[in-house]
């Protein structure tokens, strides 16, 4: 009498069942629904913080320009190329870009107050 081997356990261990794949896809979908909106919010917050920092740097350079020259520049492009009495440029790396819009020099400037705001 021959004894038959049971091959069903061997066959099941070779792959995943449809139910297991559906469970994994569902879990990944839930994770994506939770994580993706948080990443988008984090990106917008980071751009706003970077813009605030750039505006602060420009306002500081405007104050230094005022102390060196006695008046604020007529426009921001003057500040990008101007030098202080010791010959150093106020912005040695050139025109700063607005992190929110991605455009260089894209800031709102009021010459009467000597203040810059982001767009």
C-alpha atoms as a PDB file:
ATOM      1  CA  UNK A   1       0.000   0.000   0.000  1.00  0.00           C
ATOM      2  CA  UNK A   2       1.362   3.369  -1.047  1.00  0.00           C
ATOM      3  CA  UNK A   3       1.064   6.419   1.117  1.00  0.00           C
ATOM      4  CA  UNK A   4       0.187   9.598  -0.710  1.00  0.00           C
ATOM      5  CA  UNK A   5       1.889  12.788   0.271  1.00  0.00           C
ATOM      6  CA  UNK A   6      -0.245  15.806   0.857  1.00  0.00           C
ATOM      7  CA  UNK A   7       0.974  18.551  -1.516  1.00  0.00           C
ATOM      8  CA  UNK A   8      -1.667  21.111  -0.611  1.00  0.00           C
ATOM      9  CA  UNK A   9       0.399  22.664   2.187  1.00  0.00           C
ATOM     10  CA  UNK A  10       3.357  22.992  -0.159  1.00  0.00           C
ATOM     11  CA  UNK A  11       1.271  24.717  -2.806  1.00  0.00           C
ATOM     12  CA  UNK A  12      -0.186  27.258  -0.361  1.00  0.00           C
ATOM     13  CA  UNK A  13       3.208  28.376   0.895  1.00  0.00           C
ATOM     14  CA  UNK A  14       4.399  29.357  -2.587  1.00  0.00           C
ATOM     15  CA  UNK A  15       2.322  32.531  -2.944  1.00  0.00           C
ATOM     16  CA  UNK A  16      -0.121  34.960  -1.421  1.00  0.00           C
ATOM     17  CA  UNK A  17      -3.842  34.523  -1.433  1.00  0.00           C
ATOM     18  CA  UNK A  18      -6.158  37.122  -2.875  1.00  0.00           C
ATOM     19  CA  UNK A  19      -7.410  37.969   0.606  1.00  0.00           C
ATOM     20  CA  UNK A  20      -3.891  38.677   1.853  1.00  0.00           C
ATOM     21  CA  UNK A  21      -3.158  40.950  -1.113  1.00  0.00           C
ATOM     22  CA  UNK A  22      -6.428  42.837  -0.593  1.00  0.00           C
ATOM     23  CA  UNK A  23      -5.562  43.349   3.081  1.00  0.00           C
ATOM     24  CA  UNK A  24      -2.125  44.764   2.215  1.00  0.00           C
ATOM     25  CA  UNK A  25      -3.522  47.064  -0.490  1.00  0.00           C
ATOM     26  CA  UNK A  26      -6.211  48.312   1.913  1.00  0.00           C
ATOM     27  CA  UNK A  27      -3.651  49.075   4.622  1.00  0.00           C
ATOM     28  CA  UNK A  28      -1.423  50.923   2.149  1.00  0.00           C
ATOM     29  CA  UNK A  29      -4.430  52.909   0.938  1.00  0.00           C
ATOM     30  CA  UNK A  30      -5.332  53.948   4.484  1.00  0.00           C
ATOM     31  CA  UNK A  31      -1.750  55.016   5.163  1.00  0.00           C
ATOM     32  CA  UNK A  32      -1.687  57.052   1.937  1.00  0.00           C
ATOM     33  CA  UNK A  33      -4.957  58.800   2.842  1.00  0.00           C
ATOM     34  CA  UNK A  34      -3.515  59.819   6.212  1.00  0.00           C
ATOM     35  CA  UNK A  35       0.048  60.730   5.188  1.00  0.00           C
ATOM     36  CA  UNK A  36      -0.320  62.584   1.852  1.00  0.00           C
ATOM     37  CA  UNK A  37      -2.421  65.504   3.179  1.00  0.00           C
ATOM     38  CA  UNK A  38       0.025  65.992   6.044  1.00  0.00           C
ATOM     39  CA  UNK A  39       2.952  66.178   3.627  1.00  0.00           C
ATOM     40  CA  UNK A  40       1.131  68.778   1.522  1.00  0.00           C
ATOM     41  CA  UNK A  41       0.421  70.908   4.598  1.00  0.00           C
ATOM     42  CA  UNK A  42       4.019  70.549   5.766  1.00  0.00           C
ATOM     43  CA  UNK A  43       5.288  71.724   2.383  1.00  0.00           C
ATOM     44  CA  UNK A  44       3.095  74.833   2.429  1.00  0.00           C
ATOM     45  CA  UNK A  45       4.147  75.621   5.996  1.00  0.00           C
ATOM     46  CA  UNK A  46       7.820  75.209   5.116  1.00  0.00           C
ATOM     47  CA  UNK A  47       7.485  77.554   2.124  1.00  0.00           C
ATOM     48  CA  UNK A  48       5.745  80.157   4.277  1.00  0.00           C
ATOM     49  CA  UNK A  49       8.463  79.922   6.943  1.00  0.00           C
ATOM     50  CA  UNK A  50      11.179  80.236   4.294  1.00  0.00           C
ATOM     51  CA  UNK A  51       9.429  83.271   2.819  1.00  0.00           C
ATOM     52  CA  UNK A  52       9.177  84.899   6.259  1.00  0.00           C
ATOM     53  CA  UNK A  53      12.907  84.335   6.785  1.00  0.00           C
ATOM     54  CA  UNK A  54      13.787  85.813   3.385  1.00  0.00           C
ATOM     55  CA  UNK A  55      11.594  88.858   4.054  1.00  0.00           C
ATOM     56  CA  UNK A  56      13.370  89.351   7.391  1.00  0.00           C
ATOM     57  CA  UNK A  57      16.768  89.211   5.671  1.00  0.00           C
ATOM     58  CA  UNK A  58      15.681  91.761   3.052  1.00  0.00           C
ATOM     59  CA  UNK A  59      14.276  94.077   5.725  1.00  0.00           C
ATOM     60  CA  UNK A  60      17.565  93.813   7.641  1.00  0.00           C
ATOM     61  CA  UNK A  61      19.496  94.701   4.481  1.00  0.00           C
ATOM     62  CA  UNK A  62      17.159  97.655   3.908  1.00  0.00           C
ATOM     63  CA  UNK A  63      17.883  98.927   7.420  1.00  0.00           C
ATOM     64  CA  UNK A  64      21.647  98.604   6.849  1.00  0.00           C
ATOM     65  CA  UNK A  65      21.230 100.468   3.531  1.00  0.00           C
ATOM     66  CA  UNK A  66      19.323 103.224   5.336  1.00  0.00           C
ATOM     67  CA  UNK A  67      22.020 103.587   8.005  1.00  0.00           C
ATOM     68  CA  UNK A  68      24.750 103.680   5.346  1.00  0.00           C
ATOM     69  CA  UNK A  69      23.031 106.073   2.905  1.00  0.00           C
ATOM     70  CA  UNK A  70      20.509 108.065   4.962  1.00  0.00           C
ATOM     71  CA  UNK A  71      17.509 106.981   2.870  1.00  0.00           C
ATOM     72  CA  UNK A  72      15.844 103.846   1.611  1.00  0.00           C
ATOM     73  CA  UNK A  73      16.477 102.762  -1.991  1.00  0.00           C
ATOM     74  CA  UNK A  74      13.925 103.798  -4.602  1.00  0.00           C
ATOM     75  CA  UNK A  75      13.366 100.184  -5.622  1.00  0.00           C
ATOM     76  CA  UNK A  76      14.497  96.733  -4.588  1.00  0.00           C
ATOM     77  CA  UNK A  77      16.748  96.074  -7.625  1.00  0.00           C
ATOM     78  CA  UNK A  78      18.978  98.882  -6.339  1.00  0.00           C
ATOM     79  CA  UNK A  79      19.462  96.892  -3.131  1.00  0.00           C
ATOM     80  CA  UNK A  80      20.454  93.708  -4.993  1.00  0.00           C
ATOM     81  CA  UNK A  81      23.427  95.445  -6.627  1.00  0.00           C
ATOM     82  CA  UNK A  82      24.307  98.161  -4.065  1.00  0.00           C
ATOM     83  CA  UNK A  83      27.434  98.009  -1.926  1.00  0.00           C
ATOM     84  CA  UNK A  84      28.016  99.366   1.570  1.00  0.00           C
ATOM     85  CA  UNK A  85      30.833 101.856   2.344  1.00  0.00           C
ATOM     86  CA  UNK A  86      33.311  99.024   2.846  1.00  0.00           C
ATOM     87  CA  UNK A  87      32.592  97.726  -0.682  1.00  0.00           C
ATOM     88  CA  UNK A  88      30.550  94.650   0.271  1.00  0.00           C
ATOM     89  CA  UNK A  89      27.264  93.959  -1.474  1.00  0.00           C
ATOM     90  CA  UNK A  90      24.133  93.752   0.635  1.00  0.00           C
ATOM     91  CA  UNK A  91      23.238  90.533  -1.188  1.00  0.00           C
ATOM     92  CA  UNK A  92      26.471  88.850  -2.343  1.00  0.00           C
ATOM     93  CA  UNK A  93      24.554  85.883  -3.788  1.00  0.00           C
ATOM     94  CA  UNK A  94      22.401  88.105  -5.978  1.00  0.00           C
ATOM     95  CA  UNK A  95      18.669  88.575  -6.013  1.00  0.00           C
ATOM     96  CA  UNK A  96      16.883  86.439  -3.417  1.00  0.00           C
ATOM     97  CA  UNK A  97      13.942  84.409  -4.696  1.00  0.00           C
ATOM     98  CA  UNK A  98      10.537  84.160  -3.127  1.00  0.00           C
ATOM     99  CA  UNK A  99      10.142  80.553  -1.861  1.00  0.00           C
ATOM    100  CA  UNK A 100       6.361  80.597  -2.356  1.00  0.00           C
ATOM    101  CA  UNK A 101       6.338  81.821  -5.954  1.00  0.00           C
ATOM    102  CA  UNK A 102       9.797  80.652  -7.017  1.00  0.00           C
ATOM    103  CA  UNK A 103      10.521  83.977  -8.740  1.00  0.00           C
ATOM    104  CA  UNK A 104      13.614  86.043  -8.015  1.00  0.00           C
ATOM    105  CA  UNK A 105      12.921  89.395  -6.404  1.00  0.00           C
ATOM    106  CA  UNK A 106       9.172  88.719  -6.190  1.00  0.00           C
ATOM    107  CA  UNK A 107       8.427  90.861  -3.121  1.00  0.00           C
ATOM    108  CA  UNK A 108       6.229  93.865  -2.414  1.00  0.00           C
ATOM    109  CA  UNK A 109       8.331  96.903  -1.488  1.00  0.00           C
ATOM    110  CA  UNK A 110       7.197 100.227  -0.055  1.00  0.00           C
ATOM    111  CA  UNK A 111       9.945 102.834  -0.372  1.00  0.00           C
ATOM    112  CA  UNK A 112       8.226 105.250   2.031  1.00  0.00           C
ATOM    113  CA  UNK A 113       8.467 102.795   4.926  1.00  0.00           C
ATOM    114  CA  UNK A 114      11.430 100.808   3.657  1.00  0.00           C
ATOM    115  CA  UNK A 115       9.660  97.531   4.277  1.00  0.00           C
ATOM    116  CA  UNK A 116       9.216  94.407   2.197  1.00  0.00           C
ATOM    117  CA  UNK A 117       6.381  91.902   2.296  1.00  0.00           C
ATOM    118  CA  UNK A 118       6.055  88.559   0.571  1.00  0.00           C
ATOM    119  CA  UNK A 119       3.469  87.851  -2.092  1.00  0.00           C
END
